[in-house]
């Protein structure tokens, strides 16, 4: 996306989820922490419909879902669970709108991507949508339409924002490797062809034609090259899970203009190092790849390793502030 090459991302942001159940408090924390790159908080502690799968299921067009003991299942008509998901999303948008009056700059919103959704949403027979190629296509199409409406709503509420769409795909590697378990738990669903995976992602990424899309996965072995080919302007990942096997793909991504959202700050309560210590690994990677240190601030946004839903409210605030300080350290001392 050529228009994204000049897009100015912020130096630090969050992944998505926050602890607690108070939408106003979460929006206040996020906008206060990230003055130049806030995000729409998700509060899964509120229960079904506020979780990542239920929240995105509530965005679908002409597809509905309800909660079963085994998880979310596609249903024939909208019910209490999908209405609750939409209501909470509206509440979250109300809160964010309140704290972003006159805001102009990048703003990130998150939704589950088509393959993690297909690996989690059950069909009527109890197997996940991943088991049926037609269901996967229908789900991706419905998600695309739902995201268009969601992005339009965010633009209407916060007209000065330049929206970044994040697709959460923690199950993507499992889908590619045939590691998603069947309902019985005794087998796994067959691996989905990489070209099919890439094509569906490209279609959903294309929904946000006037802004960048970042794909997030806090699982190991993120398929950087596939995500780049699918049109992702940025890839978000847990930096601690990288191995030297990833070096080539990361080097190619950076040189190709893909931004890295590097998760370097703990996402559950843990001692925090000094800001310079948090980015030591990023500097080391840069040296190992032989990349220009001057590119660091242009190529990297710092985040927690994953969402903060499992953290205490106090630690979540500290973790977000720490991301900002670490980003400042990286910009001031790239070498």
C-alpha atoms as a PDB file:
ATOM      1  CA  UNK A   1       0.000   0.000   0.000  1.00  0.00           C
ATOM      2  CA  UNK A   2       1.844   3.036  -1.194  1.00  0.00           C
ATOM      3  CA  UNK A   3      -0.294   5.394   0.859  1.00  0.00           C
ATOM      4  CA  UNK A   4       0.867   3.616   4.005  1.00  0.00           C
ATOM      5  CA  UNK A   5       4.556   4.170   3.340  1.00  0.00           C
ATOM      6  CA  UNK A   6       4.204   7.753   4.606  1.00  0.00           C
ATOM      7  CA  UNK A   7       1.842   6.904   7.452  1.00  0.00           C
ATOM      8  CA  UNK A   8       3.207   8.072  10.789  1.00  0.00           C
ATOM      9  CA  UNK A   9       2.749   5.421  13.462  1.00  0.00           C
ATOM     10  CA  UNK A  10       3.343   6.253  17.103  1.00  0.00           C
ATOM     11  CA  UNK A  11       6.489   5.002  18.854  1.00  0.00           C
ATOM     12  CA  UNK A  12       4.515   2.932  21.373  1.00  0.00           C
ATOM     13  CA  UNK A  13       1.015   1.562  21.855  1.00  0.00           C
ATOM     14  CA  UNK A  14      -0.836  -1.338  23.470  1.00  0.00           C
ATOM     15  CA  UNK A  15      -2.002  -4.633  22.022  1.00  0.00           C
ATOM     16  CA  UNK A  16      -5.700  -4.486  22.862  1.00  0.00           C
ATOM     17  CA  UNK A  17      -7.052  -6.003  26.058  1.00  0.00           C
ATOM     18  CA  UNK A  18      -7.008  -4.284  29.447  1.00  0.00           C
ATOM     19  CA  UNK A  19      -7.953  -5.485  32.942  1.00  0.00           C
ATOM     20  CA  UNK A  20     -11.204  -4.578  34.667  1.00  0.00           C
ATOM     21  CA  UNK A  21     -14.739  -3.857  33.491  1.00  0.00           C
ATOM     22  CA  UNK A  22     -14.882  -0.040  33.417  1.00  0.00           C
ATOM     23  CA  UNK A  23     -14.793   1.240  29.818  1.00  0.00           C
ATOM     24  CA  UNK A  24     -14.274   4.886  30.834  1.00  0.00           C
ATOM     25  CA  UNK A  25     -11.367   4.037  33.127  1.00  0.00           C
ATOM     26  CA  UNK A  26      -9.731   1.914  30.402  1.00  0.00           C
ATOM     27  CA  UNK A  27     -10.137   4.641  27.769  1.00  0.00           C
ATOM     28  CA  UNK A  28      -8.779   7.258  30.179  1.00  0.00           C
ATOM     29  CA  UNK A  29      -5.725   5.080  30.924  1.00  0.00           C
ATOM     30  CA  UNK A  30      -4.999   4.321  27.275  1.00  0.00           C
ATOM     31  CA  UNK A  31      -5.400   7.880  25.988  1.00  0.00           C
ATOM     32  CA  UNK A  32      -3.403   9.246  28.923  1.00  0.00           C
ATOM     33  CA  UNK A  33      -0.589   6.757  28.342  1.00  0.00           C
ATOM     34  CA  UNK A  34      -0.351   7.074  24.557  1.00  0.00           C
ATOM     35  CA  UNK A  35      -0.926  10.656  23.550  1.00  0.00           C
ATOM     36  CA  UNK A  36       0.172   9.980  19.965  1.00  0.00           C
ATOM     37  CA  UNK A  37      -1.014   6.386  19.377  1.00  0.00           C
ATOM     38  CA  UNK A  38      -4.010   5.340  21.544  1.00  0.00           C
ATOM     39  CA  UNK A  39      -6.065   2.217  20.884  1.00  0.00           C
ATOM     40  CA  UNK A  40      -9.605   1.014  21.516  1.00  0.00           C
ATOM     41  CA  UNK A  41      -9.423  -1.026  24.745  1.00  0.00           C
ATOM     42  CA  UNK A  42     -11.037  -4.467  25.066  1.00  0.00           C
ATOM     43  CA  UNK A  43     -12.275  -5.622  28.480  1.00  0.00           C
ATOM     44  CA  UNK A  44     -12.774  -9.417  28.417  1.00  0.00           C
ATOM     45  CA  UNK A  45     -13.321  -9.551  32.202  1.00  0.00           C
ATOM     46  CA  UNK A  46     -16.912  -8.468  31.531  1.00  0.00           C
ATOM     47  CA  UNK A  47     -17.624 -11.962  30.231  1.00  0.00           C
ATOM     48  CA  UNK A  48     -18.829 -13.596  26.982  1.00  0.00           C
ATOM     49  CA  UNK A  49     -19.208 -11.001  24.273  1.00  0.00           C
ATOM     50  CA  UNK A  50     -16.326  -8.932  25.607  1.00  0.00           C
ATOM     51  CA  UNK A  51     -13.805 -11.711  24.848  1.00  0.00           C
ATOM     52  CA  UNK A  52     -11.900 -11.389  21.576  1.00  0.00           C
ATOM     53  CA  UNK A  53     -13.900 -14.059  19.705  1.00  0.00           C
ATOM     54  CA  UNK A  54     -17.302 -12.889  20.936  1.00  0.00           C
ATOM     55  CA  UNK A  55     -16.472  -9.245  20.316  1.00  0.00           C
ATOM     56  CA  UNK A  56     -15.561  -9.917  16.684  1.00  0.00           C
ATOM     57  CA  UNK A  57     -18.476 -12.336  16.226  1.00  0.00           C
ATOM     58  CA  UNK A  58     -20.708  -9.421  17.179  1.00  0.00           C
ATOM     59  CA  UNK A  59     -19.317  -7.449  14.211  1.00  0.00           C
ATOM     60  CA  UNK A  60     -20.223 -10.084  11.604  1.00  0.00           C
ATOM     61  CA  UNK A  61     -22.795  -9.249   8.914  1.00  0.00           C
ATOM     62  CA  UNK A  62     -25.564 -11.803   8.224  1.00  0.00           C
ATOM     63  CA  UNK A  63     -23.852 -14.330  10.510  1.00  0.00           C
ATOM     64  CA  UNK A  64     -24.626 -14.655  14.186  1.00  0.00           C
ATOM     65  CA  UNK A  65     -23.155 -16.531  17.120  1.00  0.00           C
ATOM     66  CA  UNK A  66     -24.199 -17.679  20.553  1.00  0.00           C
ATOM     67  CA  UNK A  67     -22.335 -19.042  23.550  1.00  0.00           C
ATOM     68  CA  UNK A  68     -22.363 -22.803  24.106  1.00  0.00           C
ATOM     69  CA  UNK A  69     -20.515 -24.689  26.898  1.00  0.00           C
ATOM     70  CA  UNK A  70     -17.797 -25.493  24.343  1.00  0.00           C
ATOM     71  CA  UNK A  71     -17.434 -21.907  23.088  1.00  0.00           C
ATOM     72  CA  UNK A  72     -18.955 -19.634  20.447  1.00  0.00           C
ATOM     73  CA  UNK A  73     -21.174 -21.298  17.842  1.00  0.00           C
ATOM     74  CA  UNK A  74     -22.706 -19.890  14.661  1.00  0.00           C
ATOM     75  CA  UNK A  75     -26.493 -19.572  14.931  1.00  0.00           C
ATOM     76  CA  UNK A  76     -29.416 -18.755  12.635  1.00  0.00           C
ATOM     77  CA  UNK A  77     -30.465 -15.468  14.165  1.00  0.00           C
ATOM     78  CA  UNK A  78     -29.152 -12.733  16.471  1.00  0.00           C
ATOM     79  CA  UNK A  79     -29.620 -13.527  20.123  1.00  0.00           C
ATOM     80  CA  UNK A  80     -28.768 -12.234  23.567  1.00  0.00           C
ATOM     81  CA  UNK A  81     -25.054 -13.024  23.257  1.00  0.00           C
ATOM     82  CA  UNK A  82     -24.475 -11.163  19.983  1.00  0.00           C
ATOM     83  CA  UNK A  83     -26.568  -8.213  21.204  1.00  0.00           C
ATOM     84  CA  UNK A  84     -24.466  -8.052  24.364  1.00  0.00           C
ATOM     85  CA  UNK A  85     -21.245  -8.076  22.308  1.00  0.00           C
ATOM     86  CA  UNK A  86     -22.497  -5.168  20.183  1.00  0.00           C
ATOM     87  CA  UNK A  87     -23.643  -3.271  23.271  1.00  0.00           C
ATOM     88  CA  UNK A  88     -20.253  -3.535  24.948  1.00  0.00           C
ATOM     89  CA  UNK A  89     -18.466  -2.478  21.774  1.00  0.00           C
ATOM     90  CA  UNK A  90     -20.734   0.576  21.622  1.00  0.00           C
ATOM     91  CA  UNK A  91     -19.944   1.341  25.266  1.00  0.00           C
ATOM     92  CA  UNK A  92     -16.218   1.120  24.531  1.00  0.00           C
ATOM     93  CA  UNK A  93     -16.570   3.442  21.525  1.00  0.00           C
ATOM     94  CA  UNK A  94     -18.549   5.928  23.639  1.00  0.00           C
ATOM     95  CA  UNK A  95     -15.741   6.008  26.205  1.00  0.00           C
ATOM     96  CA  UNK A  96     -12.970   6.344  23.632  1.00  0.00           C
ATOM     97  CA  UNK A  97     -14.867   9.118  21.839  1.00  0.00           C
ATOM     98  CA  UNK A  98     -15.161  11.012  25.126  1.00  0.00           C
ATOM     99  CA  UNK A  99     -11.399  10.959  25.701  1.00  0.00           C
ATOM    100  CA  UNK A 100     -10.332  11.675  22.099  1.00  0.00           C
ATOM    101  CA  UNK A 101     -12.157  14.944  21.477  1.00  0.00           C
ATOM    102  CA  UNK A 102     -10.216  16.908  18.815  1.00  0.00           C
ATOM    103  CA  UNK A 103      -7.621  14.119  18.599  1.00  0.00           C
ATOM    104  CA  UNK A 104      -5.690  13.992  15.340  1.00  0.00           C
ATOM    105  CA  UNK A 105      -3.256  11.157  14.762  1.00  0.00           C
ATOM    106  CA  UNK A 106      -3.022   7.384  14.521  1.00  0.00           C
ATOM    107  CA  UNK A 107      -5.621   5.361  16.415  1.00  0.00           C
ATOM    108  CA  UNK A 108      -5.630   1.565  16.551  1.00  0.00           C
ATOM    109  CA  UNK A 109      -8.693  -0.688  16.639  1.00  0.00           C
ATOM    110  CA  UNK A 110      -8.539  -4.483  16.902  1.00  0.00           C
ATOM    111  CA  UNK A 111     -10.556  -7.445  15.634  1.00  0.00           C
ATOM    112  CA  UNK A 112      -9.871 -11.153  15.318  1.00  0.00           C
ATOM    113  CA  UNK A 113      -8.574 -12.137  11.878  1.00  0.00           C
ATOM    114  CA  UNK A 114     -10.363 -14.623   9.605  1.00  0.00           C
ATOM    115  CA  UNK A 115      -8.235 -17.684  10.413  1.00  0.00           C
ATOM    116  CA  UNK A 116      -8.219 -17.411  14.188  1.00  0.00           C
ATOM    117  CA  UNK A 117     -11.963 -16.785  13.957  1.00  0.00           C
ATOM    118  CA  UNK A 118     -12.392 -19.901  11.778  1.00  0.00           C
ATOM    119  CA  UNK A 119     -10.352 -21.926  14.285  1.00  0.00           C
ATOM    120  CA  UNK A 120     -12.582 -20.817  17.172  1.00  0.00           C
ATOM    121  CA  UNK A 121     -16.160 -20.381  15.898  1.00  0.00           C
ATOM    122  CA  UNK A 122     -18.105 -23.646  15.836  1.00  0.00           C
ATOM    123  CA  UNK A 123     -20.516 -24.746  13.148  1.00  0.00           C
ATOM    124  CA  UNK A 124     -23.858 -26.303  14.076  1.00  0.00           C
ATOM    125  CA  UNK A 125     -22.256 -29.778  14.166  1.00  0.00           C
ATOM    126  CA  UNK A 126     -19.796 -28.700  16.852  1.00  0.00           C
ATOM    127  CA  UNK A 127     -16.712 -28.660  14.634  1.00  0.00           C
ATOM    128  CA  UNK A 128     -15.013 -25.319  14.048  1.00  0.00           C
ATOM    129  CA  UNK A 129     -15.524 -23.440  10.786  1.00  0.00           C
ATOM    130  CA  UNK A 130     -11.956 -24.359   9.830  1.00  0.00           C
ATOM    131  CA  UNK A 131     -13.275 -27.845   8.990  1.00  0.00           C
ATOM    132  CA  UNK A 132     -15.332 -26.489   6.057  1.00  0.00           C
ATOM    133  CA  UNK A 133     -13.723 -24.481   3.239  1.00  0.00           C
ATOM    134  CA  UNK A 134     -17.054 -22.900   2.287  1.00  0.00           C
ATOM    135  CA  UNK A 135     -17.692 -21.828   5.862  1.00  0.00           C
ATOM    136  CA  UNK A 136     -14.234 -20.247   5.977  1.00  0.00           C
ATOM    137  CA  UNK A 137     -14.998 -18.221   2.848  1.00  0.00           C
ATOM    138  CA  UNK A 138     -18.383 -17.112   4.198  1.00  0.00           C
ATOM    139  CA  UNK A 139     -16.838 -16.147   7.520  1.00  0.00           C
ATOM    140  CA  UNK A 140     -14.077 -14.084   5.890  1.00  0.00           C
ATOM    141  CA  UNK A 141     -16.631 -12.293   3.692  1.00  0.00           C
ATOM    142  CA  UNK A 142     -18.912 -11.530   6.635  1.00  0.00           C
ATOM    143  CA  UNK A 143     -15.946 -10.310   8.690  1.00  0.00           C
ATOM    144  CA  UNK A 144     -14.862  -7.990   5.885  1.00  0.00           C
ATOM    145  CA  UNK A 145     -18.316  -6.413   5.682  1.00  0.00           C
ATOM    146  CA  UNK A 146     -18.500  -6.076   9.458  1.00  0.00           C
ATOM    147  CA  UNK A 147     -15.099  -4.410   9.619  1.00  0.00           C
ATOM    148  CA  UNK A 148     -16.114  -1.889   6.954  1.00  0.00           C
ATOM    149  CA  UNK A 149     -19.078  -0.849   9.090  1.00  0.00           C
ATOM    150  CA  UNK A 150     -16.980  -0.769  12.265  1.00  0.00           C
ATOM    151  CA  UNK A 151     -14.270   1.401  10.679  1.00  0.00           C
ATOM    152  CA  UNK A 152     -16.912   3.779   9.320  1.00  0.00           C
ATOM    153  CA  UNK A 153     -18.347   4.111  12.821  1.00  0.00           C
ATOM    154  CA  UNK A 154     -14.932   4.878  14.326  1.00  0.00           C
ATOM    155  CA  UNK A 155     -14.277   7.510  11.641  1.00  0.00           C
ATOM    156  CA  UNK A 156     -17.635   9.125  12.343  1.00  0.00           C
ATOM    157  CA  UNK A 157     -16.973   9.317  16.072  1.00  0.00           C
ATOM    158  CA  UNK A 158     -13.309  10.397  15.894  1.00  0.00           C
ATOM    159  CA  UNK A 159     -13.004  12.215  12.555  1.00  0.00           C
ATOM    160  CA  UNK A 160      -9.433  13.421  13.128  1.00  0.00           C
ATOM    161  CA  UNK A 161      -8.074   9.920  13.686  1.00  0.00           C
ATOM    162  CA  UNK A 162      -5.991   8.060  11.119  1.00  0.00           C
ATOM    163  CA  UNK A 163      -7.164   4.536  11.790  1.00  0.00           C
ATOM    164  CA  UNK A 164      -4.861   1.551  12.078  1.00  0.00           C
ATOM    165  CA  UNK A 165      -6.689  -1.795  11.885  1.00  0.00           C
ATOM    166  CA  UNK A 166      -5.136  -4.653  13.860  1.00  0.00           C
ATOM    167  CA  UNK A 167      -6.128  -8.214  13.000  1.00  0.00           C
ATOM    168  CA  UNK A 168      -5.421 -10.633  15.843  1.00  0.00           C
ATOM    169  CA  UNK A 169      -4.235 -13.971  14.447  1.00  0.00           C
ATOM    170  CA  UNK A 170      -2.734 -16.016  17.325  1.00  0.00           C
ATOM    171  CA  UNK A 171      -3.967 -19.290  15.758  1.00  0.00           C
ATOM    172  CA  UNK A 172      -2.531 -18.588  12.304  1.00  0.00           C
ATOM    173  CA  UNK A 173       0.579 -20.756  12.664  1.00  0.00           C
ATOM    174  CA  UNK A 174      -1.540 -23.643  14.005  1.00  0.00           C
ATOM    175  CA  UNK A 175      -3.870 -23.306  10.995  1.00  0.00           C
ATOM    176  CA  UNK A 176      -0.913 -23.434   8.598  1.00  0.00           C
ATOM    177  CA  UNK A 177       0.598 -26.471  10.344  1.00  0.00           C
ATOM    178  CA  UNK A 178      -2.551 -28.513  10.856  1.00  0.00           C
ATOM    179  CA  UNK A 179      -2.407 -28.216  14.653  1.00  0.00           C
ATOM    180  CA  UNK A 180      -5.987 -27.082  15.391  1.00  0.00           C
ATOM    181  CA  UNK A 181      -7.744 -29.899  17.267  1.00  0.00           C
ATOM    182  CA  UNK A 182     -11.089 -31.377  16.266  1.00  0.00           C
ATOM    183  CA  UNK A 183     -14.057 -31.312  18.649  1.00  0.00           C
ATOM    184  CA  UNK A 184     -13.156 -34.790  19.959  1.00  0.00           C
ATOM    185  CA  UNK A 185      -9.619 -33.670  20.741  1.00  0.00           C
ATOM    186  CA  UNK A 186      -8.195 -36.876  19.243  1.00  0.00           C
ATOM    187  CA  UNK A 187      -7.333 -35.509  15.806  1.00  0.00           C
ATOM    188  CA  UNK A 188      -6.360 -32.246  14.210  1.00  0.00           C
ATOM    189  CA  UNK A 189      -7.852 -30.447  11.231  1.00  0.00           C
ATOM    190  CA  UNK A 190      -5.740 -30.669   8.102  1.00  0.00           C
ATOM    191  CA  UNK A 191      -3.393 -27.775   7.360  1.00  0.00           C
ATOM    192  CA  UNK A 192      -4.870 -25.059   5.144  1.00  0.00           C
ATOM    193  CA  UNK A 193      -2.943 -24.331   1.960  1.00  0.00           C
ATOM    194  CA  UNK A 194      -0.748 -21.262   2.392  1.00  0.00           C
ATOM    195  CA  UNK A 195      -2.116 -19.637  -0.770  1.00  0.00           C
ATOM    196  CA  UNK A 196      -5.673 -20.008   0.521  1.00  0.00           C
ATOM    197  CA  UNK A 197      -4.661 -18.508   3.866  1.00  0.00           C
ATOM    198  CA  UNK A 198      -2.869 -15.631   2.155  1.00  0.00           C
ATOM    199  CA  UNK A 199      -5.754 -14.889  -0.213  1.00  0.00           C
ATOM    200  CA  UNK A 200      -8.342 -14.688   2.591  1.00  0.00           C
ATOM    201  CA  UNK A 201      -6.079 -12.448   4.636  1.00  0.00           C
ATOM    202  CA  UNK A 202      -5.468 -10.205   1.618  1.00  0.00           C
ATOM    203  CA  UNK A 203      -9.220  -9.798   1.120  1.00  0.00           C
ATOM    204  CA  UNK A 204      -9.795  -8.810   4.744  1.00  0.00           C
ATOM    205  CA  UNK A 205      -6.737  -6.524   4.819  1.00  0.00           C
ATOM    206  CA  UNK A 206      -8.084  -4.848   1.675  1.00  0.00           C
ATOM    207  CA  UNK A 207     -11.187  -3.727   3.564  1.00  0.00           C
ATOM    208  CA  UNK A 208      -9.085  -0.950   5.131  1.00  0.00           C
ATOM    209  CA  UNK A 209      -7.911   0.483   1.820  1.00  0.00           C
ATOM    210  CA  UNK A 210      -7.263   3.997   3.145  1.00  0.00           C
ATOM    211  CA  UNK A 211      -5.100   3.016   6.110  1.00  0.00           C
ATOM    212  CA  UNK A 212      -2.556   0.472   7.340  1.00  0.00           C
ATOM    213  CA  UNK A 213      -3.303  -2.965   8.738  1.00  0.00           C
ATOM    214  CA  UNK A 214      -1.155  -4.624  11.389  1.00  0.00           C
ATOM    215  CA  UNK A 215      -1.442  -8.364  12.014  1.00  0.00           C
ATOM    216  CA  UNK A 216      -0.779  -9.451  15.598  1.00  0.00           C
ATOM    217  CA  UNK A 217       0.258 -12.859  16.903  1.00  0.00           C
ATOM    218  CA  UNK A 218       1.755 -13.594  20.306  1.00  0.00           C
ATOM    219  CA  UNK A 219       2.465 -17.212  19.221  1.00  0.00           C
ATOM    220  CA  UNK A 220       5.875 -18.509  18.091  1.00  0.00           C
ATOM    221  CA  UNK A 221       6.912 -18.710  14.418  1.00  0.00           C
ATOM    222  CA  UNK A 222       4.946 -15.779  13.049  1.00  0.00           C
ATOM    223  CA  UNK A 223       4.823 -16.117   9.209  1.00  0.00           C
ATOM    224  CA  UNK A 224       6.291 -12.688   8.451  1.00  0.00           C
ATOM    225  CA  UNK A 225       6.702 -13.227   4.702  1.00  0.00           C
ATOM    226  CA  UNK A 226       3.135 -14.502   4.206  1.00  0.00           C
ATOM    227  CA  UNK A 227       1.704 -11.544   6.135  1.00  0.00           C
ATOM    228  CA  UNK A 228       3.721  -9.093   4.057  1.00  0.00           C
ATOM    229  CA  UNK A 229       2.473 -10.665   0.835  1.00  0.00           C
ATOM    230  CA  UNK A 230      -1.101 -10.440   2.155  1.00  0.00           C
ATOM    231  CA  UNK A 231      -0.695  -6.670   2.458  1.00  0.00           C
ATOM    232  CA  UNK A 232       0.040  -6.169   6.145  1.00  0.00           C
ATOM    233  CA  UNK A 233       1.807  -2.847   6.678  1.00  0.00           C
ATOM    234  CA  UNK A 234       3.047  -4.017  10.082  1.00  0.00           C
ATOM    235  CA  UNK A 235       3.460  -7.213  12.076  1.00  0.00           C
ATOM    236  CA  UNK A 236       2.954  -7.313  15.851  1.00  0.00           C
ATOM    237  CA  UNK A 237       4.623 -10.074  17.862  1.00  0.00           C
ATOM    238  CA  UNK A 238       6.098 -11.170  21.191  1.00  0.00           C
ATOM    239  CA  UNK A 239       9.762 -10.237  20.808  1.00  0.00           C
ATOM    240  CA  UNK A 240      10.859 -12.821  23.395  1.00  0.00           C
ATOM    241  CA  UNK A 241       9.651 -15.666  21.124  1.00  0.00           C
ATOM    242  CA  UNK A 242      11.922 -14.737  18.223  1.00  0.00           C
ATOM    243  CA  UNK A 243      14.777 -17.060  17.315  1.00  0.00           C
ATOM    244  CA  UNK A 244      17.634 -16.541  14.897  1.00  0.00           C
ATOM    245  CA  UNK A 245      15.577 -18.538  12.376  1.00  0.00           C
ATOM    246  CA  UNK A 246      13.399 -15.436  12.095  1.00  0.00           C
ATOM    247  CA  UNK A 247      16.311 -13.118  11.249  1.00  0.00           C
ATOM    248  CA  UNK A 248      16.054 -13.394   7.463  1.00  0.00           C
ATOM    249  CA  UNK A 249      12.299 -12.789   7.366  1.00  0.00           C
ATOM    250  CA  UNK A 250      12.567  -9.822   9.741  1.00  0.00           C
ATOM    251  CA  UNK A 251      15.432  -8.282   7.790  1.00  0.00           C
ATOM    252  CA  UNK A 252      13.458  -8.582   4.547  1.00  0.00           C
ATOM    253  CA  UNK A 253      10.379  -7.124   6.220  1.00  0.00           C
ATOM    254  CA  UNK A 254      12.211  -4.058   7.521  1.00  0.00           C
ATOM    255  CA  UNK A 255      13.998  -3.459   4.234  1.00  0.00           C
ATOM    256  CA  UNK A 256      10.665  -3.826   2.432  1.00  0.00           C
ATOM    257  CA  UNK A 257       9.088  -1.091   4.569  1.00  0.00           C
ATOM    258  CA  UNK A 258       7.080  -3.315   6.939  1.00  0.00           C
ATOM    259  CA  UNK A 259       6.849  -1.888  10.442  1.00  0.00           C
ATOM    260  CA  UNK A 260       7.530  -4.064  13.459  1.00  0.00           C
ATOM    261  CA  UNK A 261       5.322  -3.855  16.546  1.00  0.00           C
ATOM    262  CA  UNK A 262       7.781  -5.408  18.981  1.00  0.00           C
ATOM    263  CA  UNK A 263       6.306  -6.754  22.215  1.00  0.00           C
ATOM    264  CA  UNK A 264       9.089  -6.090  24.717  1.00  0.00           C
ATOM    265  CA  UNK A 265       7.248  -5.331  27.984  1.00  0.00           C
ATOM    266  CA  UNK A 266       5.676  -8.063  30.138  1.00  0.00           C
ATOM    267  CA  UNK A 267       1.892  -8.403  29.812  1.00  0.00           C
ATOM    268  CA  UNK A 268       1.303  -9.886  33.277  1.00  0.00           C
ATOM    269  CA  UNK A 269       2.564  -8.619  36.625  1.00  0.00           C
ATOM    270  CA  UNK A 270       6.355  -8.909  36.701  1.00  0.00           C
ATOM    271  CA  UNK A 271       9.326  -6.729  37.620  1.00  0.00           C
ATOM    272  CA  UNK A 272      10.047  -4.154  34.926  1.00  0.00           C
ATOM    273  CA  UNK A 273      13.654  -3.497  33.913  1.00  0.00           C
ATOM    274  CA  UNK A 274      14.921  -0.032  33.143  1.00  0.00           C
ATOM    275  CA  UNK A 275      13.680   1.273  29.751  1.00  0.00           C
ATOM    276  CA  UNK A 276      17.076   0.811  28.091  1.00  0.00           C
ATOM    277  CA  UNK A 277      17.154  -2.805  29.246  1.00  0.00           C
ATOM    278  CA  UNK A 278      13.743  -3.466  27.704  1.00  0.00           C
ATOM    279  CA  UNK A 279      15.006  -2.536  24.234  1.00  0.00           C
ATOM    280  CA  UNK A 280      18.449  -4.105  24.473  1.00  0.00           C
ATOM    281  CA  UNK A 281      17.257  -7.113  22.464  1.00  0.00           C
ATOM    282  CA  UNK A 282      15.904  -4.868  19.695  1.00  0.00           C
ATOM    283  CA  UNK A 283      19.257  -3.101  19.391  1.00  0.00           C
ATOM    284  CA  UNK A 284      21.055  -6.457  19.376  1.00  0.00           C
ATOM    285  CA  UNK A 285      18.790  -7.756  16.597  1.00  0.00           C
ATOM    286  CA  UNK A 286      19.442  -4.620  14.557  1.00  0.00           C
ATOM    287  CA  UNK A 287      23.192  -5.060  14.841  1.00  0.00           C
ATOM    288  CA  UNK A 288      22.946  -8.762  13.982  1.00  0.00           C
ATOM    289  CA  UNK A 289      20.972  -7.955  10.847  1.00  0.00           C
ATOM    290  CA  UNK A 290      23.334  -5.159   9.870  1.00  0.00           C
ATOM    291  CA  UNK A 291      20.491  -2.649   9.686  1.00  0.00           C
ATOM    292  CA  UNK A 292      20.983   1.102   9.966  1.00  0.00           C
ATOM    293  CA  UNK A 293      20.386   2.160  13.614  1.00  0.00           C
ATOM    294  CA  UNK A 294      18.838   5.341  12.293  1.00  0.00           C
ATOM    295  CA  UNK A 295      15.952   3.242  10.947  1.00  0.00           C
ATOM    296  CA  UNK A 296      14.904   2.036  14.405  1.00  0.00           C
ATOM    297  CA  UNK A 297      12.479   4.812  15.255  1.00  0.00           C
ATOM    298  CA  UNK A 298      10.991   4.661  11.747  1.00  0.00           C
ATOM    299  CA  UNK A 299      10.626   0.871  11.734  1.00  0.00           C
ATOM    300  CA  UNK A 300       9.646  -0.124  15.290  1.00  0.00           C
ATOM    301  CA  UNK A 301       6.658   0.531  17.562  1.00  0.00           C
ATOM    302  CA  UNK A 302       6.987  -0.882  21.082  1.00  0.00           C
ATOM    303  CA  UNK A 303       4.146  -2.732  22.846  1.00  0.00           C
ATOM    304  CA  UNK A 304       3.594  -5.192  25.672  1.00  0.00           C
ATOM    305  CA  UNK A 305       4.185  -8.825  24.655  1.00  0.00           C
ATOM    306  CA  UNK A 306       0.425  -9.426  24.447  1.00  0.00           C
ATOM    307  CA  UNK A 307      -2.847  -8.034  25.785  1.00  0.00           C
ATOM    308  CA  UNK A 308      -2.989  -6.912  29.416  1.00  0.00           C
ATOM    309  CA  UNK A 309      -6.248  -8.594  30.445  1.00  0.00           C
ATOM    310  CA  UNK A 310      -4.369 -10.875  32.869  1.00  0.00           C
ATOM    311  CA  UNK A 311      -2.509  -8.039  34.579  1.00  0.00           C
ATOM    312  CA  UNK A 312      -3.540  -6.036  37.620  1.00  0.00           C
ATOM    313  CA  UNK A 313      -4.825  -2.522  36.814  1.00  0.00           C
ATOM    314  CA  UNK A 314      -1.802  -0.975  38.509  1.00  0.00           C
ATOM    315  CA  UNK A 315       0.665  -3.100  36.524  1.00  0.00           C
ATOM    316  CA  UNK A 316      -1.209  -2.423  33.276  1.00  0.00           C
ATOM    317  CA  UNK A 317      -0.769   1.328  33.769  1.00  0.00           C
ATOM    318  CA  UNK A 318       2.918   0.851  34.571  1.00  0.00           C
ATOM    319  CA  UNK A 319       3.447  -1.424  31.556  1.00  0.00           C
ATOM    320  CA  UNK A 320       1.928   1.115  29.146  1.00  0.00           C
ATOM    321  CA  UNK A 321       4.010   3.930  30.609  1.00  0.00           C
ATOM    322  CA  UNK A 322       7.085   1.722  30.402  1.00  0.00           C
ATOM    323  CA  UNK A 323       6.482   1.160  26.664  1.00  0.00           C
ATOM    324  CA  UNK A 324       6.554   4.928  26.145  1.00  0.00           C
ATOM    325  CA  UNK A 325       9.777   5.356  28.127  1.00  0.00           C
ATOM    326  CA  UNK A 326      11.418   2.418  26.341  1.00  0.00           C
ATOM    327  CA  UNK A 327      10.488   3.893  22.957  1.00  0.00           C
ATOM    328  CA  UNK A 328      12.042   7.190  24.002  1.00  0.00           C
ATOM    329  CA  UNK A 329      15.212   5.357  25.028  1.00  0.00           C
ATOM    330  CA  UNK A 330      15.337   3.607  21.658  1.00  0.00           C
ATOM    331  CA  UNK A 331      14.901   6.858  19.746  1.00  0.00           C
ATOM    332  CA  UNK A 332      17.455   8.747  21.829  1.00  0.00           C
ATOM    333  CA  UNK A 333      20.092   5.995  21.755  1.00  0.00           C
ATOM    334  CA  UNK A 334      19.498   3.747  18.718  1.00  0.00           C
ATOM    335  CA  UNK A 335      22.971   2.235  18.978  1.00  0.00           C
END
